[in-house]
Amino acid sequence: LVGTSTAVSATIADYPVLSGQALRYAL
C-alpha cells in the first residue's frame, strides 16, 4: 500500500492537507 501511493503522488499534489487529514481521522 505504501509503495503504490508513490505512483499517484503527482496526482495528489493539490490535495487539501488539513481537510484530508480530518476526513481520514473521521473515517
PDB file of all heavy atoms in Angstrom:
ATOM      1  N   LEU A   1       0.819  -1.213   0.000  1.00  0.00           N
ATOM      2  CA  LEU A   1       0.000   0.000   0.000  1.00  0.00           C
ATOM      3  C   LEU A   1       0.850   1.259   0.000  1.00  0.00           C
ATOM      4  O   LEU A   1       0.541   2.224  -0.695  1.00  0.00           O
ATOM      5  CB  LEU A   1      -0.945  -0.014   1.203  1.00  0.00           C
ATOM      6  CG  LEU A   1      -2.045  -1.065   1.163  1.00  0.00           C
ATOM      7  CD1 LEU A   1      -2.816  -1.071   2.472  1.00  0.00           C
ATOM      8  CD2 LEU A   1      -2.975  -0.838  -0.007  1.00  0.00           C
ATOM      9  N   VAL A   2       1.922   1.276   0.772  1.00  0.00           N
ATOM     10  CA  VAL A   2       2.790   2.450   0.805  1.00  0.00           C
ATOM     11  C   VAL A   2       3.516   2.608  -0.522  1.00  0.00           C
ATOM     12  O   VAL A   2       3.649   3.708  -1.043  1.00  0.00           O
ATOM     13  CB  VAL A   2       3.787   2.341   1.980  1.00  0.00           C
ATOM     14  CG1 VAL A   2       4.852   3.420   1.889  1.00  0.00           C
ATOM     15  CG2 VAL A   2       3.050   2.440   3.298  1.00  0.00           C
ATOM     16  N   GLY A   3       3.948   1.510  -1.098  1.00  0.00           N
ATOM     17  CA  GLY A   3       4.662   1.568  -2.367  1.00  0.00           C
ATOM     18  C   GLY A   3       3.790   2.042  -3.515  1.00  0.00           C
ATOM     19  O   GLY A   3       4.247   2.756  -4.402  1.00  0.00           O
ATOM     20  N   THR A   4       2.520   1.679  -3.498  1.00  0.00           N
ATOM     21  CA  THR A   4       1.641   2.095  -4.586  1.00  0.00           C
ATOM     22  C   THR A   4       1.231   3.548  -4.459  1.00  0.00           C
ATOM     23  O   THR A   4       0.791   4.145  -5.432  1.00  0.00           O
ATOM     24  CB  THR A   4       0.379   1.220  -4.643  1.00  0.00           C
ATOM     25  OG1 THR A   4      -0.288   1.273  -3.393  1.00  0.00           O
ATOM     26  CG2 THR A   4       0.711  -0.204  -4.996  1.00  0.00           C
ATOM     27  N   SER A   5       1.380   4.140  -3.270  1.00  0.00           N
ATOM     28  CA  SER A   5       0.996   5.550  -3.128  1.00  0.00           C
ATOM     29  C   SER A   5       1.983   6.476  -3.840  1.00  0.00           C
ATOM     30  O   SER A   5       1.631   7.606  -4.161  1.00  0.00           O
ATOM     31  CB  SER A   5       0.881   5.931  -1.658  1.00  0.00           C
ATOM     32  OG  SER A   5       2.140   5.892  -1.044  1.00  0.00           O
ATOM     33  N   THR A   6       3.197   6.029  -4.104  1.00  0.00           N
ATOM     34  CA  THR A   6       4.154   6.887  -4.802  1.00  0.00           C
ATOM     35  C   THR A   6       3.767   7.073  -6.269  1.00  0.00           C
ATOM     36  O   THR A   6       4.107   8.084  -6.863  1.00  0.00           O
ATOM     37  CB  THR A   6       5.576   6.307  -4.725  1.00  0.00           C
ATOM     38  OG1 THR A   6       5.583   5.002  -5.304  1.00  0.00           O
ATOM     39  CG2 THR A   6       6.052   6.239  -3.290  1.00  0.00           C
ATOM     40  N   ALA A   7       3.038   6.141  -6.821  1.00  0.00           N
ATOM     41  CA  ALA A   7       2.632   6.257  -8.220  1.00  0.00           C
ATOM     42  C   ALA A   7       1.611   7.369  -8.434  1.00  0.00           C
ATOM     43  O   ALA A   7       1.509   7.917  -9.530  1.00  0.00           O
ATOM     44  CB  ALA A   7       2.064   4.925  -8.705  1.00  0.00           C
ATOM     45  N   VAL A   8       0.859   7.718  -7.411  1.00  0.00           N
ATOM     46  CA  VAL A   8      -0.160   8.756  -7.552  1.00  0.00           C
ATOM     47  C   VAL A   8       0.234  10.054  -6.872  1.00  0.00           C
ATOM     48  O   VAL A   8      -0.574  10.957  -6.739  1.00  0.00           O
ATOM     49  CB  VAL A   8      -1.522   8.271  -6.995  1.00  0.00           C
ATOM     50  CG1 VAL A   8      -2.069   7.139  -7.804  1.00  0.00           C
ATOM     51  CG2 VAL A   8      -1.425   7.938  -5.536  1.00  0.00           C
ATOM     52  N   SER A   9       1.481  10.174  -6.435  1.00  0.00           N
ATOM     53  CA  SER A   9       1.899  11.372  -5.695  1.00  0.00           C
ATOM     54  C   SER A   9       1.778  12.644  -6.538  1.00  0.00           C
ATOM     55  O   SER A   9       1.469  13.707  -6.003  1.00  0.00           O
ATOM     56  CB  SER A   9       3.312  11.211  -5.162  1.00  0.00           C
ATOM     57  OG  SER A   9       4.216  11.034  -6.223  1.00  0.00           O
ATOM     58  N   ALA A  10       2.025  12.568  -7.838  1.00  0.00           N
ATOM     59  CA  ALA A  10       1.872  13.748  -8.690  1.00  0.00           C
ATOM     60  C   ALA A  10       0.394  14.120  -8.831  1.00  0.00           C
ATOM     61  O   ALA A  10       0.049  15.297  -8.962  1.00  0.00           O
ATOM     62  CB  ALA A  10       2.472  13.480 -10.052  1.00  0.00           C
ATOM     63  N   THR A  11      -0.474  13.134  -8.774  1.00  0.00           N
ATOM     64  CA  THR A  11      -1.907  13.373  -8.916  1.00  0.00           C
ATOM     65  C   THR A  11      -2.466  14.104  -7.699  1.00  0.00           C
ATOM     66  O   THR A  11      -3.392  14.909  -7.819  1.00  0.00           O
ATOM     67  CB  THR A  11      -2.650  12.034  -9.101  1.00  0.00           C
ATOM     68  OG1 THR A  11      -2.042  11.334 -10.164  1.00  0.00           O
ATOM     69  CG2 THR A  11      -4.111  12.238  -9.382  1.00  0.00           C
ATOM     70  N   ILE A  12      -1.927  13.828  -6.531  1.00  0.00           N
ATOM     71  CA  ILE A  12      -2.475  14.418  -5.312  1.00  0.00           C
ATOM     72  C   ILE A  12      -1.656  15.614  -4.822  1.00  0.00           C
ATOM     73  O   ILE A  12      -1.672  15.956  -3.643  1.00  0.00           O
ATOM     74  CB  ILE A  12      -2.594  13.359  -4.200  1.00  0.00           C
ATOM     75  CG1 ILE A  12      -1.246  12.743  -3.879  1.00  0.00           C
ATOM     76  CG2 ILE A  12      -3.600  12.306  -4.559  1.00  0.00           C
ATOM     77  CD1 ILE A  12      -1.253  11.835  -2.665  1.00  0.00           C
ATOM     78  N   ALA A  13      -0.985  16.289  -5.738  1.00  0.00           N
ATOM     79  CA  ALA A  13      -0.165  17.441  -5.358  1.00  0.00           C
ATOM     80  C   ALA A  13      -1.027  18.572  -4.804  1.00  0.00           C
ATOM     81  O   ALA A  13      -0.592  19.311  -3.914  1.00  0.00           O
ATOM     82  CB  ALA A  13       0.632  17.932  -6.553  1.00  0.00           C
ATOM     83  N   ASP A  14      -2.236  18.722  -5.299  1.00  0.00           N
ATOM     84  CA  ASP A  14      -3.136  19.781  -4.836  1.00  0.00           C
ATOM     85  C   ASP A  14      -4.091  19.299  -3.751  1.00  0.00           C
ATOM     86  O   ASP A  14      -5.122  19.906  -3.504  1.00  0.00           O
ATOM     87  CB  ASP A  14      -3.943  20.326  -6.010  1.00  0.00           C
ATOM     88  CG  ASP A  14      -3.056  20.994  -7.044  1.00  0.00           C
ATOM     89  OD1 ASP A  14      -2.037  21.576  -6.643  1.00  0.00           O
ATOM     90  OD2 ASP A  14      -3.382  20.914  -8.236  1.00  0.00           O
ATOM     91  N   TYR A  15      -3.752  18.224  -3.097  1.00  0.00           N
ATOM     92  CA  TYR A  15      -4.570  17.629  -2.042  1.00  0.00           C
ATOM     93  C   TYR A  15      -4.667  18.585  -0.860  1.00  0.00           C
ATOM     94  O   TYR A  15      -3.651  19.050  -0.351  1.00  0.00           O
ATOM     95  CB  TYR A  15      -3.914  16.314  -1.618  1.00  0.00           C
ATOM     96  CG  TYR A  15      -4.616  15.518  -0.564  1.00  0.00           C
ATOM     97  CD1 TYR A  15      -5.783  14.845  -0.847  1.00  0.00           C
ATOM     98  CD2 TYR A  15      -4.089  15.412   0.717  1.00  0.00           C
ATOM     99  CE1 TYR A  15      -6.418  14.082   0.112  1.00  0.00           C
ATOM    100  CE2 TYR A  15      -4.716  14.656   1.689  1.00  0.00           C
ATOM    101  CZ  TYR A  15      -5.883  13.997   1.377  1.00  0.00           C
ATOM    102  OH  TYR A  15      -6.505  13.247   2.326  1.00  0.00           O
ATOM    103  N   PRO A  16      -5.891  18.890  -0.385  1.00  0.00           N
ATOM    104  CA  PRO A  16      -6.020  19.768   0.779  1.00  0.00           C
ATOM    105  C   PRO A  16      -5.584  19.022   2.051  1.00  0.00           C
ATOM    106  O   PRO A  16      -6.295  18.150   2.543  1.00  0.00           O
ATOM    107  CB  PRO A  16      -7.505  20.109   0.806  1.00  0.00           C
ATOM    108  CG  PRO A  16      -8.174  18.998   0.085  1.00  0.00           C
ATOM    109  CD  PRO A  16      -7.177  18.488  -0.917  1.00  0.00           C
ATOM    110  N   VAL A  17      -4.438  19.355   2.569  1.00  0.00           N
ATOM    111  CA  VAL A  17      -3.804  18.575   3.630  1.00  0.00           C
ATOM    112  C   VAL A  17      -4.664  18.503   4.888  1.00  0.00           C
ATOM    113  O   VAL A  17      -4.959  17.413   5.387  1.00  0.00           O
ATOM    114  CB  VAL A  17      -2.407  19.139   3.957  1.00  0.00           C
ATOM    115  CG1 VAL A  17      -1.780  18.367   5.097  1.00  0.00           C
ATOM    116  CG2 VAL A  17      -1.524  19.083   2.731  1.00  0.00           C
ATOM    117  N   LEU A  18      -5.080  19.632   5.424  1.00  0.00           N
ATOM    118  CA  LEU A  18      -5.815  19.619   6.685  1.00  0.00           C
ATOM    119  C   LEU A  18      -7.205  18.997   6.537  1.00  0.00           C
ATOM    120  O   LEU A  18      -7.635  18.213   7.395  1.00  0.00           O
ATOM    121  CB  LEU A  18      -5.910  21.030   7.260  1.00  0.00           C
ATOM    122  CG  LEU A  18      -4.560  21.661   7.615  1.00  0.00           C
ATOM    123  CD1 LEU A  18      -4.752  23.070   8.147  1.00  0.00           C
ATOM    124  CD2 LEU A  18      -3.811  20.819   8.615  1.00  0.00           C
ATOM    125  N   SER A  19      -7.894  19.324   5.466  1.00  0.00           N
ATOM    126  CA  SER A  19      -9.211  18.722   5.237  1.00  0.00           C
ATOM    127  C   SER A  19      -9.081  17.226   4.999  1.00  0.00           C
ATOM    128  O   SER A  19      -9.902  16.431   5.471  1.00  0.00           O
ATOM    129  CB  SER A  19      -9.889  19.361   4.026  1.00  0.00           C
ATOM    130  OG  SER A  19     -10.051  20.735   4.230  1.00  0.00           O
ATOM    131  N   GLY A  20      -8.055  16.851   4.283  1.00  0.00           N
ATOM    132  CA  GLY A  20      -7.821  15.429   4.015  1.00  0.00           C
ATOM    133  C   GLY A  20      -7.503  14.663   5.287  1.00  0.00           C
ATOM    134  O   GLY A  20      -7.999  13.552   5.499  1.00  0.00           O
ATOM    135  N   GLN A  21      -6.695  15.249   6.155  1.00  0.00           N
ATOM    136  CA  GLN A  21      -6.377  14.603   7.425  1.00  0.00           C
ATOM    137  C   GLN A  21      -7.636  14.470   8.277  1.00  0.00           C
ATOM    138  O   GLN A  21      -7.857  13.439   8.901  1.00  0.00           O
ATOM    139  CB  GLN A  21      -5.323  15.403   8.191  1.00  0.00           C
ATOM    140  CG  GLN A  21      -3.940  15.276   7.609  1.00  0.00           C
ATOM    141  CD  GLN A  21      -3.376  13.886   7.769  1.00  0.00           C
ATOM    142  OE1 GLN A  21      -3.706  12.978   7.017  1.00  0.00           O
ATOM    143  NE2 GLN A  21      -2.527  13.713   8.742  1.00  0.00           N
ATOM    144  N   ALA A  22      -8.447  15.505   8.317  1.00  0.00           N
ATOM    145  CA  ALA A  22      -9.690  15.450   9.097  1.00  0.00           C
ATOM    146  C   ALA A  22     -10.602  14.349   8.574  1.00  0.00           C
ATOM    147  O   ALA A  22     -11.202  13.594   9.355  1.00  0.00           O
ATOM    148  CB  ALA A  22     -10.393  16.802   9.053  1.00  0.00           C
ATOM    149  N   LEU A  23     -10.686  14.226   7.267  1.00  0.00           N
ATOM    150  CA  LEU A  23     -11.515  13.182   6.666  1.00  0.00           C
ATOM    151  C   LEU A  23     -10.962  11.794   6.984  1.00  0.00           C
ATOM    152  O   LEU A  23     -11.720  10.882   7.332  1.00  0.00           O
ATOM    153  CB  LEU A  23     -11.596  13.385   5.149  1.00  0.00           C
ATOM    154  CG  LEU A  23     -12.465  12.414   4.380  1.00  0.00           C
ATOM    155  CD1 LEU A  23     -13.916  12.536   4.824  1.00  0.00           C
ATOM    156  CD2 LEU A  23     -12.349  12.673   2.900  1.00  0.00           C
ATOM    157  N   ARG A  24      -9.651  11.633   6.908  1.00  0.00           N
ATOM    158  CA  ARG A  24      -9.028  10.342   7.234  1.00  0.00           C
ATOM    159  C   ARG A  24      -9.281   9.946   8.673  1.00  0.00           C
ATOM    160  O   ARG A  24      -9.626   8.797   8.972  1.00  0.00           O
ATOM    161  CB  ARG A  24      -7.513  10.404   6.991  1.00  0.00           C
ATOM    162  CG  ARG A  24      -7.130  10.364   5.539  1.00  0.00           C
ATOM    163  CD  ARG A  24      -5.634  10.481   5.355  1.00  0.00           C
ATOM    164  NE  ARG A  24      -4.943   9.435   6.091  1.00  0.00           N
ATOM    165  CZ  ARG A  24      -3.699   9.557   6.532  1.00  0.00           C
ATOM    166  NH1 ARG A  24      -3.027  10.664   6.347  1.00  0.00           N
ATOM    167  NH2 ARG A  24      -3.138   8.562   7.188  1.00  0.00           N
ATOM    168  N   TYR A  25      -9.124  10.896   9.601  1.00  0.00           N
ATOM    169  CA  TYR A  25      -9.334  10.592  11.014  1.00  0.00           C
ATOM    170  C   TYR A  25     -10.804  10.306  11.309  1.00  0.00           C
ATOM    171  O   TYR A  25     -11.118   9.444  12.132  1.00  0.00           O
ATOM    172  CB  TYR A  25      -8.806  11.708  11.904  1.00  0.00           C
ATOM    173  CG  TYR A  25      -7.299  11.761  11.959  1.00  0.00           C
ATOM    174  CD1 TYR A  25      -6.608  12.943  11.754  1.00  0.00           C
ATOM    175  CD2 TYR A  25      -6.548  10.617  12.211  1.00  0.00           C
ATOM    176  CE1 TYR A  25      -5.225  12.992  11.805  1.00  0.00           C
ATOM    177  CE2 TYR A  25      -5.165  10.653  12.259  1.00  0.00           C
ATOM    178  CZ  TYR A  25      -4.519  11.839  12.058  1.00  0.00           C
ATOM    179  OH  TYR A  25      -3.156  11.875  12.099  1.00  0.00           O
ATOM    180  N   ALA A  26     -11.710  11.019  10.665  1.00  0.00           N
ATOM    181  CA  ALA A  26     -13.137  10.760  10.867  1.00  0.00           C
ATOM    182  C   ALA A  26     -13.506   9.368  10.355  1.00  0.00           C
ATOM    183  O   ALA A  26     -14.263   8.635  11.007  1.00  0.00           O
ATOM    184  CB  ALA A  26     -13.973  11.822  10.157  1.00  0.00           C
ATOM    185  N   LEU A  27     -12.976   8.992   9.208  1.00  0.00           N
ATOM    186  CA  LEU A  27     -13.231   7.659   8.663  1.00  0.00           C
ATOM    187  C   LEU A  27     -12.647   6.578   9.573  1.00  0.00           C
ATOM    188  O   LEU A  27     -13.301   5.574   9.859  1.00  0.00           O
ATOM    189  CB  LEU A  27     -12.640   7.541   7.256  1.00  0.00           C
ATOM    190  CG  LEU A  27     -12.831   6.217   6.546  1.00  0.00           C
ATOM    191  CD1 LEU A  27     -14.310   5.934   6.311  1.00  0.00           C
ATOM    192  CD2 LEU A  27     -12.077   6.216   5.235  1.00  0.00           C
TER     193      LEU A  27
END
